[in-house]
Protein backbone atom coordinates (compact mmCIF):
# COMPACT_ATOMS: atom_id res chain seq x y z
CA MET A 1 62.40 52.35 -2.14
CA ALA A 2 63.22 49.20 -4.39
CA SER A 3 64.76 49.37 -7.67
CA LEU A 4 63.34 47.61 -10.11
CA HIS A 5 66.75 45.74 -11.09
CA SER A 6 67.13 44.60 -7.55
CA PRO A 7 67.70 41.18 -6.99
CA MET A 8 64.65 40.71 -4.74
CA ALA A 9 62.18 41.98 -7.49
CA PRO A 10 60.19 39.06 -9.36
CA VAL A 11 61.12 38.53 -12.99
CA GLU A 12 58.10 37.60 -15.45
CA HIS A 13 58.98 35.24 -18.00
CA ALA A 14 57.57 35.80 -21.09
CA GLN A 15 55.32 32.75 -22.69
CA PRO A 16 56.78 31.74 -25.91
CA GLN A 17 54.51 32.08 -28.80
CA MET A 18 54.28 29.84 -31.93
CA PRO A 19 55.36 32.19 -35.03
CA MET A 20 52.59 33.27 -37.30
CA ILE A 21 53.06 31.66 -40.96
CA LEU A 22 51.11 31.75 -44.51
CA CYS A 23 49.07 28.97 -45.39
CA CYS A 24 50.50 26.57 -47.96
CA LEU A 25 46.86 26.43 -49.95
CA CYS A 26 45.05 29.45 -49.13
CA GLY A 27 47.70 32.01 -47.89
CA VAL A 28 45.74 32.81 -44.74
CA PRO A 29 48.00 33.93 -41.65
CA CYS A 30 47.76 30.98 -39.00
CA GLN A 31 49.86 29.73 -36.39
CA HIS A 32 52.98 27.02 -37.32
CA ASN A 33 52.03 23.57 -37.19
CA ALA A 34 53.27 20.24 -39.06
CA SER A 35 51.44 20.43 -41.88
CA ALA A 36 51.57 24.18 -42.56
CA THR A 37 48.14 24.71 -42.99
CA CYS A 38 45.32 26.62 -41.68
CA THR A 39 42.88 24.84 -39.94
CA SER A 40 39.57 25.12 -42.76
CA CYS A 41 42.18 23.87 -45.52
CA LEU A 42 43.39 20.78 -42.91
CA SER A 43 39.26 20.00 -42.36
CA GLN A 44 38.27 20.08 -45.88
CA GLN A 45 41.41 17.81 -47.07
CA ALA A 46 41.05 15.03 -43.86
CA ASP A 47 37.64 13.99 -43.60
CA ILE A 48 38.12 12.40 -39.69
CA THR A 49 33.99 10.62 -40.13
CA TYR A 50 35.43 8.87 -42.85
CA GLY A 51 34.19 4.67 -42.18
CA ILE A 52 31.65 5.83 -39.58
CA THR A 53 28.49 4.62 -40.64
CA THR A 54 25.62 7.64 -40.91
CA GLU A 55 22.51 5.17 -41.21
CA VAL A 56 21.75 1.87 -39.15
CA THR A 57 18.62 -0.23 -38.66
CA LEU A 58 17.26 -1.20 -35.71
CA HIS A 59 14.87 -4.00 -34.71
CA GLN A 60 12.10 -3.54 -32.00
CA CYS A 61 9.42 -6.03 -31.22
CA ARG A 62 5.99 -4.37 -31.85
CA SER A 63 4.30 -6.64 -29.14
CA CYS A 64 6.90 -6.21 -26.22
CA GLN A 65 8.67 -2.82 -27.25
CA ARG A 66 11.81 -4.52 -26.79
CA TRP A 67 15.16 -3.75 -29.11
CA HIS A 68 17.16 -6.32 -30.62
CA LYS A 69 20.76 -6.15 -28.95
CA GLU A 70 22.45 -9.12 -30.11
CA GLU A 71 22.08 -12.92 -30.87
CA ASN A 72 18.81 -13.98 -28.30
CA LYS A 73 18.97 -10.88 -26.50
CA TRP A 74 16.67 -8.16 -26.26
CA LEU A 75 16.87 -4.71 -24.29
CA GLY A 76 13.74 -3.16 -22.84
CA CYS A 77 14.12 0.54 -22.98
CA ASP A 78 12.77 4.02 -23.53
CA LEU A 79 12.86 6.31 -26.12
CA GLU A 80 15.55 8.91 -26.27
CA SER A 81 17.04 7.05 -22.60
CA ARG A 82 20.48 6.35 -21.84
CA GLU A 83 20.11 2.78 -22.53
CA LEU A 84 18.77 3.21 -25.98
CA MET A 85 21.49 5.22 -26.57
CA GLY A 86 24.27 3.13 -25.74
CA LEU A 87 22.71 0.59 -27.85
CA CYS A 88 22.09 2.87 -30.98
CA LEU A 89 26.39 3.50 -30.60
CA GLU A 90 26.89 0.22 -29.94
CA LYS A 91 25.32 -0.51 -33.77
CA THR A 92 26.94 2.23 -35.59
CA ALA A 93 30.27 1.00 -37.18
CA GLY A 94 32.94 2.78 -37.15
CA LEU A 95 33.07 4.16 -33.59
CA LYS A 96 35.01 1.21 -31.96
CA PRO A 97 38.40 0.77 -33.49
CA LYS A 98 39.84 -2.27 -35.64
CA ARG A 99 42.14 -4.93 -33.80
CA GLY A 100 45.71 -3.15 -34.39
CA THR A 101 44.26 0.22 -34.77
CA LYS A 102 47.60 2.71 -33.86
CA GLU A 103 46.50 5.10 -30.94
CA GLU A 104 46.94 8.01 -33.10
CA HIS A 105 44.43 6.65 -35.45
CA LYS A 106 41.48 6.08 -33.44
CA VAL A 107 38.30 8.34 -33.47
CA LYS A 108 37.34 9.53 -30.06
CA LEU A 109 33.96 10.13 -29.46
CA THR A 110 33.76 13.29 -27.23
CA ASP A 111 29.79 13.87 -27.34
CA ALA A 112 25.97 12.40 -28.35
CA SER A 113 22.51 13.76 -27.93
CA TRP A 114 19.36 13.03 -29.37
CA ILE A 115 17.51 15.13 -31.94
CA TRP A 116 13.84 15.23 -31.83
CA THR A 117 11.88 13.29 -34.43
CA GLU A 118 8.12 12.37 -34.77
CA PRO A 119 7.23 9.76 -32.51
CA HIS A 120 5.44 7.77 -35.21
CA SER A 121 8.04 8.36 -37.78
CA MET A 122 9.93 5.28 -37.09
CA ARG A 123 13.41 7.39 -37.18
CA LEU A 124 15.75 8.10 -34.71
CA LYS A 125 18.25 10.82 -34.89
CA CYS A 126 21.54 11.54 -32.75
CA LYS A 127 24.27 14.17 -33.26
CA LEU A 128 27.57 12.44 -32.80
CA THR A 129 30.84 14.75 -32.15
CA VAL A 130 34.53 13.09 -32.49
CA GLN A 131 38.02 13.99 -32.28
CA LYS A 132 40.79 12.34 -34.10
CA GLU A 133 44.25 13.29 -34.64
CA VAL A 134 45.53 14.09 -38.49
CA ASP A 135 49.04 14.26 -39.78
CA GLY A 136 51.55 16.18 -37.55
CA GLY A 137 49.66 15.96 -34.32
CA VAL A 138 46.48 18.14 -35.68
CA ILE A 139 43.57 17.05 -33.46
CA LEU A 140 40.28 17.61 -35.45
CA GLN A 141 36.96 17.83 -34.01
CA GLN A 142 33.48 17.49 -36.24
CA SER A 143 30.00 16.96 -35.47
CA PHE A 144 27.76 15.09 -37.72
CA VAL A 145 24.12 13.41 -37.84
CA VAL A 146 23.38 9.79 -37.06
CA GLU A 147 19.81 8.42 -38.53
CA TYR A 148 18.64 4.96 -37.43
CA ILE A 149 15.76 3.44 -39.25
CA VAL A 150 13.58 1.59 -36.43
CA ARG A 151 11.84 -1.72 -38.16
CA ASN A 152 9.54 -4.54 -36.70
CA GLN A 153 10.75 -7.53 -35.99
CA GLN A 154 9.31 -10.41 -33.49
CA CYS A 155 11.53 -11.54 -30.23
CA PRO A 156 11.35 -15.39 -29.58
CA GLY A 157 9.11 -14.71 -26.58
CA CYS A 158 6.60 -13.08 -28.79
CA GLN A 159 6.80 -15.81 -31.33
CA ALA A 160 6.34 -18.43 -28.81
CA SER A 161 3.15 -17.05 -27.18
CA PHE A 162 1.57 -16.65 -30.47
CA THR A 163 2.51 -20.54 -31.26
CA GLN A 164 0.40 -23.51 -30.18
CA GLY A 165 1.93 -25.73 -28.15
CA ALA A 166 5.00 -23.68 -27.82
CA TRP A 167 5.25 -23.95 -23.84
CA LYS A 168 7.12 -25.85 -21.70
CA HIS A 169 5.63 -25.82 -17.97
CA LEU A 170 1.95 -25.52 -17.14
CA VAL A 171 1.27 -24.16 -14.12
CA GLN A 172 -2.60 -24.47 -13.11
CA VAL A 173 -3.49 -22.61 -10.02
CA ARG A 174 -7.10 -23.55 -8.39
CA GLN A 175 -9.14 -22.91 -5.45
CA ARG A 176 -12.46 -24.70 -5.09
CA VAL A 177 -14.75 -22.72 -3.14
CA ASN A 178 -17.57 -20.85 -4.28
CA HIS A 179 -16.38 -16.98 -3.21
CA LYS A 180 -12.62 -16.95 -3.96
CA ARG A 181 -11.49 -14.19 -1.90
CA THR A 182 -7.99 -15.62 -1.29
CA PHE A 183 -7.88 -15.98 -4.98
CA LEU A 184 -8.56 -12.57 -5.83
CA TYR A 185 -6.42 -11.48 -3.27
CA LEU A 186 -3.49 -13.81 -4.70
CA GLU A 187 -4.05 -12.26 -8.06
CA GLN A 188 -3.64 -8.81 -7.07
CA VAL A 189 -0.18 -9.69 -5.51
CA ILE A 190 0.95 -11.39 -8.69
CA ILE A 191 -0.01 -7.88 -10.38
CA LYS A 192 1.80 -5.97 -7.87
CA LYS A 193 4.76 -8.33 -7.62
CA GLY A 194 4.59 -9.07 -11.16
CA GLY A 195 4.93 -12.93 -10.04
CA ALA A 196 4.00 -14.09 -13.51
CA LYS A 197 6.36 -12.14 -15.61
CA GLY A 198 7.84 -14.23 -18.16
CA ALA A 199 4.78 -16.46 -18.35
CA LEU A 200 3.59 -16.82 -22.83
CA SER A 201 -0.25 -16.66 -21.73
CA ILE A 202 -2.53 -16.88 -19.31
CA GLU A 203 -5.81 -18.56 -19.17
CA VAL A 204 -9.04 -17.92 -17.00
CA PHE A 205 -11.43 -20.69 -15.88
CA ARG A 206 -14.37 -20.38 -13.30
CA ASP A 207 -12.07 -22.10 -10.61
CA GLY A 208 -8.69 -20.92 -11.31
CA MET A 209 -6.01 -19.80 -13.94
CA ASP A 210 -3.57 -21.43 -15.91
CA PHE A 211 0.12 -20.00 -16.80
CA TYR A 212 2.27 -20.95 -19.72
CA PHE A 213 5.94 -20.60 -19.10
CA ALA A 214 8.54 -21.07 -22.16
CA GLU A 215 11.12 -22.78 -19.49
CA ARG A 216 10.65 -24.98 -16.75
CA GLY A 217 12.51 -23.10 -14.53
CA LYS A 218 10.53 -19.84 -14.78
CA GLY A 219 7.32 -21.99 -13.91
CA GLU A 220 9.45 -23.27 -10.85
CA ARG A 221 9.95 -19.85 -9.57
CA PHE A 222 6.28 -18.99 -9.61
CA ILE A 223 5.44 -21.84 -7.75
CA ASN A 224 8.07 -20.89 -5.29
CA PHE A 225 6.51 -17.17 -5.46
CA LEU A 226 2.84 -18.77 -4.59
CA GLU A 227 3.97 -20.35 -1.55
CA ASP A 228 5.22 -17.39 -0.33
CA GLU A 229 2.03 -15.53 -0.68
CA VAL A 230 -0.87 -18.59 0.24
CA PRO A 231 -0.76 -21.71 1.88
CA ILE A 232 -1.20 -24.23 -1.15
CA THR A 233 -0.08 -27.91 -2.10
CA VAL A 234 1.54 -28.66 -5.75
CA LYS A 235 1.03 -32.11 -7.68
CA LYS A 236 3.11 -32.31 -10.50
CA SER A 237 3.41 -34.50 -13.71
CA LYS A 238 5.37 -34.74 -17.11
CA LYS A 239 4.33 -35.71 -20.62
CA LEU A 240 7.05 -37.28 -23.46
CA ILE A 241 7.16 -35.51 -26.10
CA GLY A 242 9.70 -37.09 -28.53
CA THR A 243 12.91 -38.66 -27.39
CA ASP A 244 16.54 -38.65 -29.44
CA VAL A 245 17.51 -42.30 -29.30
CA LYS A 246 21.34 -41.41 -30.73
CA SER A 247 21.95 -38.45 -28.49
CA ASN A 248 19.74 -40.01 -25.57
CA ILE A 249 17.75 -36.39 -25.37
CA SER A 250 14.18 -36.74 -24.68
CA ASN A 251 11.73 -34.07 -24.59
CA TYR A 252 9.25 -33.11 -21.92
CA LYS A 253 6.03 -30.93 -21.14
CA PHE A 254 5.46 -30.62 -17.55
CA THR A 255 2.29 -29.54 -15.81
CA SER A 256 2.11 -28.45 -11.89
CA LEU A 257 -1.54 -28.40 -10.58
CA VAL A 258 -1.27 -25.92 -7.83
CA GLU A 259 -4.22 -26.09 -5.30
CA ILE A 260 -5.22 -23.43 -2.68
CA ALA A 261 -6.51 -23.64 0.89
CA PRO A 262 -10.21 -23.42 0.77
CA LEU A 263 -10.10 -20.86 3.28
CA CYS A 264 -10.91 -17.34 3.26
CA LYS A 265 -10.11 -14.27 5.53
CA ASP A 266 -13.17 -14.06 8.07
CA ASP A 267 -14.43 -17.71 7.52
CA LEU A 268 -15.86 -19.74 10.74
CA LEU A 269 -13.72 -22.64 11.57
CA TYR A 270 -14.30 -26.13 13.27
CA LEU A 271 -10.80 -27.49 14.21
CA PRO A 272 -10.23 -31.17 14.63
CA LYS A 273 -9.21 -32.18 17.86
CA SER A 274 -5.68 -32.81 17.17
CA LEU A 275 -5.32 -29.74 15.08
CA ALA A 276 -6.85 -27.58 17.95
CA LYS A 277 -4.39 -29.32 20.78
CA SER A 278 -1.29 -28.67 18.86
CA GLN A 279 -2.39 -25.03 18.69
CA SER A 280 -1.95 -24.68 22.54
CA SER A 281 -5.48 -26.44 23.01
CA ILE A 282 -7.20 -23.59 21.23
CA SER A 283 -11.10 -23.86 21.09
CA ARG A 284 -12.36 -25.48 18.52
CA LEU A 285 -14.57 -23.08 16.71
CA VAL A 286 -12.36 -20.25 15.55
CA LEU A 287 -12.04 -17.32 12.97
CA VAL A 288 -9.67 -16.87 10.45
CA LYS A 289 -8.30 -13.57 10.63
CA ASN A 290 -5.79 -13.54 8.09
CA ILE A 291 -4.37 -15.92 5.07
CA GLY A 292 -0.43 -15.71 4.08
CA GLU A 293 2.23 -18.06 3.84
CA VAL A 294 0.42 -19.35 7.14
CA MET A 295 -3.29 -19.03 8.45
CA GLN A 296 -3.83 -16.74 11.49
CA ILE A 297 -7.18 -17.47 13.85
CA VAL A 298 -8.35 -16.48 16.73
CA ASP A 299 -10.89 -17.53 19.17
CA PRO A 300 -13.80 -15.01 18.93
CA ALA A 301 -14.87 -15.90 23.09
CA THR A 302 -11.21 -15.60 24.48
CA GLY A 303 -8.94 -13.89 22.33
CA GLN A 304 -6.55 -16.43 22.02
CA SER A 305 -4.42 -16.63 18.33
CA GLY A 306 -2.62 -19.26 16.82
CA VAL A 307 -1.08 -20.05 13.49
CA ILE A 308 -2.07 -23.27 11.04
CA SER A 309 0.88 -23.62 8.59
CA GLY A 310 0.22 -25.05 4.96
CA ASP A 311 1.56 -28.42 5.47
CA ALA A 312 -0.32 -28.89 8.85
CA PHE A 313 -3.80 -28.02 7.01
CA TRP A 314 -3.10 -30.17 4.20
CA ARG A 315 -2.06 -33.53 6.35
CA ASP A 316 -5.67 -32.93 8.32
CA GLN A 317 -8.05 -31.04 5.40
CA PHE A 318 -11.40 -29.72 6.41
CA ARG A 319 -13.91 -27.52 5.52
CA PRO A 320 -15.13 -24.18 6.69
CA LEU A 321 -18.01 -24.24 8.78
CA ILE A 322 -19.27 -20.87 7.61
CA THR A 323 -18.20 -19.22 4.67
CA ALA A 324 -17.51 -15.53 4.97
CA ALA A 325 -20.42 -14.60 2.11
CA ARG A 326 -22.55 -11.76 1.92
CA SER A 327 -25.96 -13.64 2.86
CA ARG A 328 -23.99 -15.28 6.16
CA LEU A 329 -23.04 -11.86 7.96
CA LYS A 330 -25.96 -10.12 9.85
CA ARG A 331 -25.94 -6.74 10.52
CA TYR A 332 -25.91 -5.68 14.41
CA VAL A 333 -26.24 -2.50 16.38
CA VAL A 334 -24.06 -2.08 19.50
CA LEU A 335 -25.79 -0.90 22.51
CA ASP A 336 -24.04 -1.35 25.24
CA GLN A 337 -20.19 -2.33 25.92
CA SER A 338 -18.40 -3.23 28.87
CA PRO A 339 -14.91 -4.67 29.30
CA VAL A 340 -14.19 -7.97 30.40
CA VAL A 341 -11.57 -8.61 33.32
CA GLU A 342 -10.06 -11.85 33.57
CA GLU A 343 -7.61 -13.17 36.48
CA ARG A 344 -4.04 -14.51 34.93
CA ASN A 345 -5.12 -18.29 36.17
CA GLN A 346 -8.66 -18.03 34.64
CA ALA A 347 -6.80 -17.52 30.85
CA LYS A 348 -3.50 -18.85 31.24
CA ARG A 349 -3.08 -19.19 27.68
CA GLN A 350 -3.60 -15.67 26.84
CA THR A 351 -1.46 -12.73 27.08
CA ALA A 352 -2.20 -9.60 28.83
CA LYS A 353 -3.15 -7.47 25.88
CA GLN A 354 -5.24 -10.23 24.69
CA ARG A 355 -7.14 -10.01 28.01
CA ARG A 356 -7.44 -6.46 28.27
CA ARG A 357 -9.34 -6.42 24.54
CA LEU A 358 -12.36 -8.54 25.46
CA ALA A 359 -15.50 -6.93 26.31
CA GLU A 360 -19.18 -7.89 26.63
CA LEU A 361 -21.47 -6.38 23.63
CA THR A 362 -25.27 -6.05 23.99
CA LEU A 363 -26.23 -6.27 20.01
CA MET A 364 -29.31 -6.08 18.49
CA LYS A 365 -30.34 -7.02 14.78
CA GLU A 366 -30.63 -3.56 12.65
CA ASP A 367 -33.82 -4.92 11.15
CA ASP A 368 -35.45 -5.15 14.63
CA MET A 369 -34.41 -1.33 15.36
CA GLY A 370 -37.59 0.41 16.42
CA VAL A 371 -39.99 -2.75 15.98
CA ARG A 372 -39.09 -5.14 18.85
CA ASP A 373 -36.97 -5.13 21.91
CA ASP A 374 -34.65 -8.31 21.41
CA HIS A 375 -31.38 -7.77 22.46
CA VAL A 376 -28.74 -10.25 23.02
CA THR A 377 -25.02 -9.76 25.07
CA VAL A 378 -22.30 -11.53 23.86
CA ARG A 379 -18.24 -12.05 24.51
CA SER A 380 -16.24 -10.76 21.65
CA HIS A 381 -12.71 -10.46 20.88
CA LEU A 382 -13.37 -7.36 19.14
CA GLY A 383 -15.02 -5.52 21.80
CA TYR A 384 -12.53 -3.14 22.57
CA LEU A 385 -12.93 -1.39 18.99
CA CYS A 386 -16.89 -1.17 19.56
CA LYS A 387 -18.71 1.27 21.42
CA ALA A 388 -22.63 2.33 21.49
CA GLY A 389 -24.05 3.14 18.39
CA ASP A 390 -21.56 1.28 15.94
CA VAL A 391 -22.50 -1.71 13.40
CA VAL A 392 -21.11 -4.80 13.63
CA LEU A 393 -21.20 -8.02 11.29
CA ALA A 394 -21.55 -11.18 12.66
CA TYR A 395 -22.38 -15.05 12.19
CA CYS A 396 -25.85 -15.96 13.96
CA LEU A 397 -24.96 -19.87 14.59
CA GLN A 398 -29.01 -20.45 15.82
CA ASP A 399 -30.35 -19.15 12.33
CA THR A 400 -27.51 -21.28 10.24
CA ASN A 401 -27.87 -24.94 9.15
CA LEU A 402 -24.65 -26.57 9.90
CA VAL A 403 -23.62 -29.81 8.08
CA ASP A 404 -21.09 -31.00 10.61
CA ASP A 405 -23.32 -32.67 13.15
CA GLU A 406 -19.94 -32.62 15.64
CA ALA A 407 -19.89 -28.75 15.36
CA ARG A 408 -23.93 -28.78 15.59
CA ALA A 409 -23.86 -31.08 18.96
CA ALA A 410 -21.08 -28.94 20.69
CA LEU A 411 -23.15 -25.70 19.86
CA ASP A 412 -26.11 -27.26 21.15
CA LYS A 413 -24.11 -27.42 24.43
CA SER A 414 -23.01 -24.29 24.51
CA THR A 415 -25.34 -20.63 24.89
CA ALA A 416 -22.45 -18.31 24.85
CA LEU A 417 -21.46 -19.15 21.20
CA ASP A 418 -24.98 -18.10 19.49
CA ILE A 419 -23.58 -15.24 17.95
CA VAL A 420 -19.84 -14.40 16.61
CA VAL A 421 -18.81 -10.79 15.94
CA VAL A 422 -16.58 -10.79 12.53
CA ARG A 423 -16.17 -7.22 11.92
CA LYS A 424 -16.90 -3.55 12.60
CA LEU A 425 -18.24 -1.32 10.35
CA TYR A 426 -16.72 1.97 9.79
CA GLY A 427 -18.80 4.94 8.46
CA GLY A 428 -22.15 3.45 9.23
CA GLY A 429 -21.40 0.49 7.21
CA GLY A 430 -21.68 2.40 3.78
CA THR A 431 -25.56 1.47 3.32
CA GLY A 432 -27.28 3.68 6.19
CA GLY A 433 -26.11 1.76 8.96
CA GLY A 434 -25.35 4.96 10.94
CA ASP A 435 -28.66 5.92 10.34
CA ALA A 436 -30.31 2.75 11.89
CA ALA A 437 -27.95 3.03 14.90
CA LYS A 438 -29.03 6.60 15.77
CA GLN A 439 -32.82 5.32 16.07
């Protein structure tokens, strides 16, 4: 058994303890420190929050709800958020040490938290905790409340929006068609992606909208945004407002007219010869499949697809043969569907996927169901989606008065294009189409 005095036994060293003394002011026993004063007496003598403002004024724009940070700079943040807390601490005088202050005399912020106030009280309260070294190396910690008074002040952007003639760049967006399906789609894209962010005001007209911007660069960025969404053409002009002869500085107002291509989804087109030849000799009678940065077209009889860029359209402009209005689309019921198998040498410009999607549809007008037996067989690129009993929307070219004489003559020679299927209706078409198909 090892002895307690054995050299192998561990030796425990006692931690040195600070001697206890009496406070020189109140006489309460306390640990020894350089000031020979207890904590309560030391906190009463030294106020570490001296010089820190406990009441601060903040300015907020009532229109856009942004907060004023510094000159010509406004910050958007929510109530009781981290960003607003940082703004409040920046506005609180005394937290940042002055230049030349010694390290031991600096105030250190250790904690900050919100105190709940009524949302309409125009007051914000924060509880701050700071630390500071006082005489003899003693560190004191103290908590206090800072009240922030919110005042309304209009930001420069909102001031310009309420001032007539404060705009710098006007962007006029127009689409000159009866039904503005492409324009309505563009409007939803602008709202979703925030394309018109920074506009002072927006005015709505019958054939489009006007966007007012305070800076020319913001207007140019908006035009670039429109070019990425729809095929457009831009015409620009500027007007001289004033000139400073001494400094050789001129003030201009810029106006840009943005015209959207007068084509919409599901429109029936009759392409010019040169344009059809550039699209791998596609048929001149095509449907607009989709409208985006470019226009996607498809031949309803063969399924061949193509792409028309905005530059190609504006070089050789044309109007749609039939617009996709409700009055132009007729409802047909599919009686039968049979796939069309074409050999490769008969459709060289088609891919294998496009050839498999072709089908012959036997259609009858929904109004003629149960009245007379008058049906027609057509070939459609949407045949693979249809089956007996489905309801489709189609153009009846024989009942339509076509303005283009060349297109009318071409259609009179061909009997296979009397009906052009545009789309299939799902769920009975929403207006009883399923009941008509069951008769």
